[in-house]
Amino acid sequence: MLHENVKLLENRLRAGLCDRCTVTQDVAKKKQQDYETSQLHSLQHITILVNEMNVLKKENKKLLEEVKNLRSMLE
């Protein structure tokens, strides 16, 4: 009987991960996917914000030039 149990356990080991390990592995994969998705969204938001910042810098430069021109007209 003990010999059969050992063989059964050996076969289960050869077959792959135990149920608990499989669940742990699945949870780890899910967390990794969630993390990667979060990172991707963060990078997309950063890109949008950088583009918006560049537009605002250009607008600010134009406005500064306009102020300079108006001051020179007043003098």
N, C-alpha and C. Protein backbone atom coordinates (compact mmCIF):
# COMPACT_ATOMS: atom_id res chain seq x y z
N MET A 1 0.84 -1.20 0.00
CA MET A 1 0.00 0.00 0.00
C MET A 1 0.88 1.26 0.00
N LEU A 2 1.88 1.28 0.86
CA LEU A 2 2.78 2.42 0.93
C LEU A 2 3.52 2.60 -0.38
N HIS A 3 3.92 1.49 -0.99
CA HIS A 3 4.61 1.53 -2.27
C HIS A 3 3.72 2.16 -3.35
N GLU A 4 2.44 1.82 -3.34
CA GLU A 4 1.49 2.40 -4.30
C GLU A 4 1.33 3.90 -4.07
N ASN A 5 1.25 4.31 -2.82
CA ASN A 5 1.14 5.74 -2.50
C ASN A 5 2.36 6.51 -2.98
N VAL A 6 3.53 5.93 -2.80
CA VAL A 6 4.77 6.57 -3.27
C VAL A 6 4.74 6.71 -4.78
N LYS A 7 4.34 5.65 -5.47
CA LYS A 7 4.25 5.71 -6.93
C LYS A 7 3.24 6.76 -7.38
N LEU A 8 2.12 6.82 -6.70
CA LEU A 8 1.09 7.81 -7.02
C LEU A 8 1.63 9.22 -6.85
N LEU A 9 2.32 9.46 -5.76
CA LEU A 9 2.89 10.78 -5.51
C LEU A 9 3.98 11.12 -6.52
N GLU A 10 4.80 10.14 -6.88
CA GLU A 10 5.82 10.36 -7.90
C GLU A 10 5.19 10.73 -9.23
N ASN A 11 4.13 10.04 -9.59
CA ASN A 11 3.42 10.34 -10.84
C ASN A 11 2.82 11.74 -10.82
N ARG A 12 2.28 12.12 -9.68
CA ARG A 12 1.71 13.47 -9.55
C ARG A 12 2.80 14.52 -9.69
N LEU A 13 3.97 14.25 -9.12
CA LEU A 13 5.08 15.19 -9.24
C LEU A 13 5.53 15.32 -10.69
N ARG A 14 5.58 14.22 -11.40
CA ARG A 14 5.98 14.25 -12.81
C ARG A 14 4.94 14.98 -13.66
N ALA A 15 3.69 14.90 -13.24
CA ALA A 15 2.60 15.49 -14.01
C ALA A 15 2.65 17.01 -13.99
N GLY A 16 3.21 17.61 -12.97
CA GLY A 16 3.26 19.06 -12.93
C GLY A 16 3.10 19.58 -11.53
N LEU A 17 2.76 20.85 -11.46
CA LEU A 17 2.64 21.52 -10.18
C LEU A 17 1.43 21.03 -9.39
N CYS A 18 1.52 21.12 -8.10
CA CYS A 18 0.37 20.77 -7.26
C CYS A 18 -0.70 21.85 -7.42
N ASP A 19 -1.88 21.57 -6.94
CA ASP A 19 -2.99 22.52 -7.08
C ASP A 19 -2.67 23.85 -6.42
N ARG A 20 -2.09 23.80 -5.25
CA ARG A 20 -1.77 25.03 -4.52
C ARG A 20 -0.73 25.86 -5.30
N CYS A 21 0.27 25.15 -5.84
CA CYS A 21 1.29 25.86 -6.62
C CYS A 21 0.71 26.44 -7.90
N THR A 22 -0.18 25.71 -8.51
CA THR A 22 -0.82 26.20 -9.74
C THR A 22 -1.62 27.46 -9.47
N VAL A 23 -2.37 27.46 -8.37
CA VAL A 23 -3.16 28.64 -8.01
C VAL A 23 -2.22 29.81 -7.72
N THR A 24 -1.15 29.56 -6.99
CA THR A 24 -0.19 30.61 -6.68
C THR A 24 0.42 31.17 -7.96
N GLN A 25 0.77 30.28 -8.87
CA GLN A 25 1.35 30.70 -10.14
C GLN A 25 0.35 31.53 -10.96
N ASP A 26 -0.90 31.10 -10.97
CA ASP A 26 -1.94 31.85 -11.70
C ASP A 26 -2.13 33.24 -11.10
N VAL A 27 -2.14 33.33 -9.78
CA VAL A 27 -2.28 34.62 -9.11
C VAL A 27 -1.09 35.52 -9.44
N ALA A 28 0.10 34.95 -9.45
CA ALA A 28 1.30 35.72 -9.77
C ALA A 28 1.25 36.23 -11.21
N LYS A 29 0.80 35.39 -12.13
CA LYS A 29 0.68 35.80 -13.54
C LYS A 29 -0.33 36.94 -13.67
N LYS A 30 -1.45 36.83 -12.98
CA LYS A 30 -2.49 37.86 -13.03
C LYS A 30 -1.97 39.18 -12.48
N LYS A 31 -1.25 39.12 -11.36
CA LYS A 31 -0.70 40.34 -10.78
C LYS A 31 0.33 40.96 -11.71
N GLN A 32 1.14 40.13 -12.38
CA GLN A 32 2.13 40.63 -13.34
C GLN A 32 1.43 41.31 -14.50
N GLN A 33 0.36 40.71 -15.01
CA GLN A 33 -0.39 41.30 -16.11
C GLN A 33 -1.01 42.63 -15.68
N ASP A 34 -1.57 42.67 -14.48
CA ASP A 34 -2.16 43.91 -13.98
C ASP A 34 -1.10 45.00 -13.85
N TYR A 35 0.07 44.62 -13.36
CA TYR A 35 1.17 45.58 -13.21
C TYR A 35 1.61 46.11 -14.57
N GLU A 36 1.76 45.22 -15.55
CA GLU A 36 2.17 45.65 -16.89
C GLU A 36 1.13 46.55 -17.53
N THR A 37 -0.14 46.24 -17.33
CA THR A 37 -1.21 47.08 -17.87
C THR A 37 -1.18 48.45 -17.21
N SER A 38 -0.97 48.48 -15.91
CA SER A 38 -0.88 49.74 -15.18
C SER A 38 0.31 50.57 -15.68
N GLN A 39 1.44 49.92 -15.90
CA GLN A 39 2.62 50.62 -16.40
C GLN A 39 2.35 51.21 -17.78
N LEU A 40 1.69 50.45 -18.64
CA LEU A 40 1.37 50.92 -19.98
C LEU A 40 0.46 52.15 -19.92
N HIS A 41 -0.56 52.09 -19.07
CA HIS A 41 -1.46 53.23 -18.93
C HIS A 41 -0.70 54.45 -18.39
N SER A 42 0.18 54.23 -17.45
CA SER A 42 0.98 55.33 -16.90
C SER A 42 1.83 55.97 -17.99
N LEU A 43 2.46 55.16 -18.81
CA LEU A 43 3.28 55.70 -19.90
C LEU A 43 2.44 56.48 -20.91
N GLN A 44 1.24 55.98 -21.16
CA GLN A 44 0.35 56.70 -22.08
C GLN A 44 -0.04 58.05 -21.50
N HIS A 45 -0.34 58.10 -20.20
CA HIS A 45 -0.69 59.36 -19.56
C HIS A 45 0.50 60.32 -19.55
N ILE A 46 1.68 59.79 -19.31
CA ILE A 46 2.88 60.63 -19.32
C ILE A 46 3.08 61.24 -20.70
N THR A 47 2.90 60.45 -21.73
CA THR A 47 3.04 60.95 -23.10
C THR A 47 2.04 62.07 -23.38
N ILE A 48 0.81 61.88 -22.96
CA ILE A 48 -0.22 62.90 -23.16
C ILE A 48 0.17 64.18 -22.42
N LEU A 49 0.61 64.04 -21.17
CA LEU A 49 0.98 65.21 -20.38
C LEU A 49 2.20 65.93 -20.95
N VAL A 50 3.18 65.19 -21.44
CA VAL A 50 4.37 65.81 -22.04
C VAL A 50 3.97 66.58 -23.29
N ASN A 51 3.10 65.99 -24.10
CA ASN A 51 2.63 66.70 -25.30
C ASN A 51 1.88 67.97 -24.93
N GLU A 52 1.03 67.88 -23.92
CA GLU A 52 0.28 69.06 -23.46
C GLU A 52 1.23 70.13 -22.92
N MET A 53 2.25 69.70 -22.20
CA MET A 53 3.23 70.64 -21.66
C MET A 53 3.98 71.34 -22.79
N ASN A 54 4.32 70.62 -23.84
CA ASN A 54 5.01 71.23 -24.98
C ASN A 54 4.13 72.27 -25.67
N VAL A 55 2.85 71.95 -25.81
CA VAL A 55 1.92 72.90 -26.41
C VAL A 55 1.83 74.17 -25.55
N LEU A 56 1.75 73.99 -24.24
CA LEU A 56 1.66 75.14 -23.33
C LEU A 56 2.94 75.97 -23.35
N LYS A 57 4.09 75.32 -23.50
CA LYS A 57 5.35 76.05 -23.60
C LYS A 57 5.38 76.92 -24.85
N LYS A 58 4.91 76.35 -25.96
CA LYS A 58 4.86 77.11 -27.22
C LYS A 58 3.91 78.30 -27.08
N GLU A 59 2.75 78.05 -26.49
CA GLU A 59 1.77 79.12 -26.28
C GLU A 59 2.35 80.20 -25.38
N ASN A 60 3.03 79.79 -24.33
CA ASN A 60 3.64 80.75 -23.41
C ASN A 60 4.69 81.59 -24.13
N LYS A 61 5.47 80.97 -24.97
CA LYS A 61 6.50 81.68 -25.73
C LYS A 61 5.86 82.73 -26.65
N LYS A 62 4.78 82.35 -27.32
CA LYS A 62 4.06 83.29 -28.19
C LYS A 62 3.50 84.45 -27.38
N LEU A 63 2.92 84.15 -26.23
CA LEU A 63 2.35 85.20 -25.39
C LEU A 63 3.43 86.15 -24.87
N LEU A 64 4.57 85.60 -24.50
CA LEU A 64 5.67 86.46 -24.05
C LEU A 64 6.14 87.38 -25.17
N GLU A 65 6.19 86.85 -26.36
CA GLU A 65 6.58 87.66 -27.52
C GLU A 65 5.54 88.76 -27.78
N GLU A 66 4.28 88.42 -27.62
CA GLU A 66 3.21 89.40 -27.81
C GLU A 66 3.30 90.50 -26.76
N VAL A 67 3.56 90.14 -25.53
CA VAL A 67 3.72 91.12 -24.46
C VAL A 67 4.90 92.04 -24.77
N LYS A 68 5.96 91.44 -25.23
CA LYS A 68 7.16 92.23 -25.59
C LYS A 68 6.82 93.24 -26.70
N ASN A 69 6.10 92.79 -27.70
CA ASN A 69 5.70 93.67 -28.79
C ASN A 69 4.78 94.79 -28.30
N LEU A 70 3.84 94.46 -27.45
CA LEU A 70 2.91 95.48 -26.94
C LEU A 70 3.65 96.51 -26.09
N ARG A 71 4.62 96.05 -25.30
CA ARG A 71 5.41 97.00 -24.49
C ARG A 71 6.22 97.93 -25.37
N SER A 72 6.76 97.37 -26.41
CA SER A 72 7.56 98.22 -27.31
C SER A 72 6.67 99.23 -28.03
N MET A 73 5.43 98.86 -28.31
CA MET A 73 4.50 99.79 -28.96
C MET A 73 4.12 100.93 -28.02
N LEU A 74 4.05 100.63 -26.72
CA LEU A 74 3.69 101.66 -25.73
C LEU A 74 4.82 102.67 -25.55
N GLU A 75 6.00 102.26 -25.77
CA GLU A 75 7.14 103.16 -25.56
C GLU A 75 7.42 104.03 -26.72
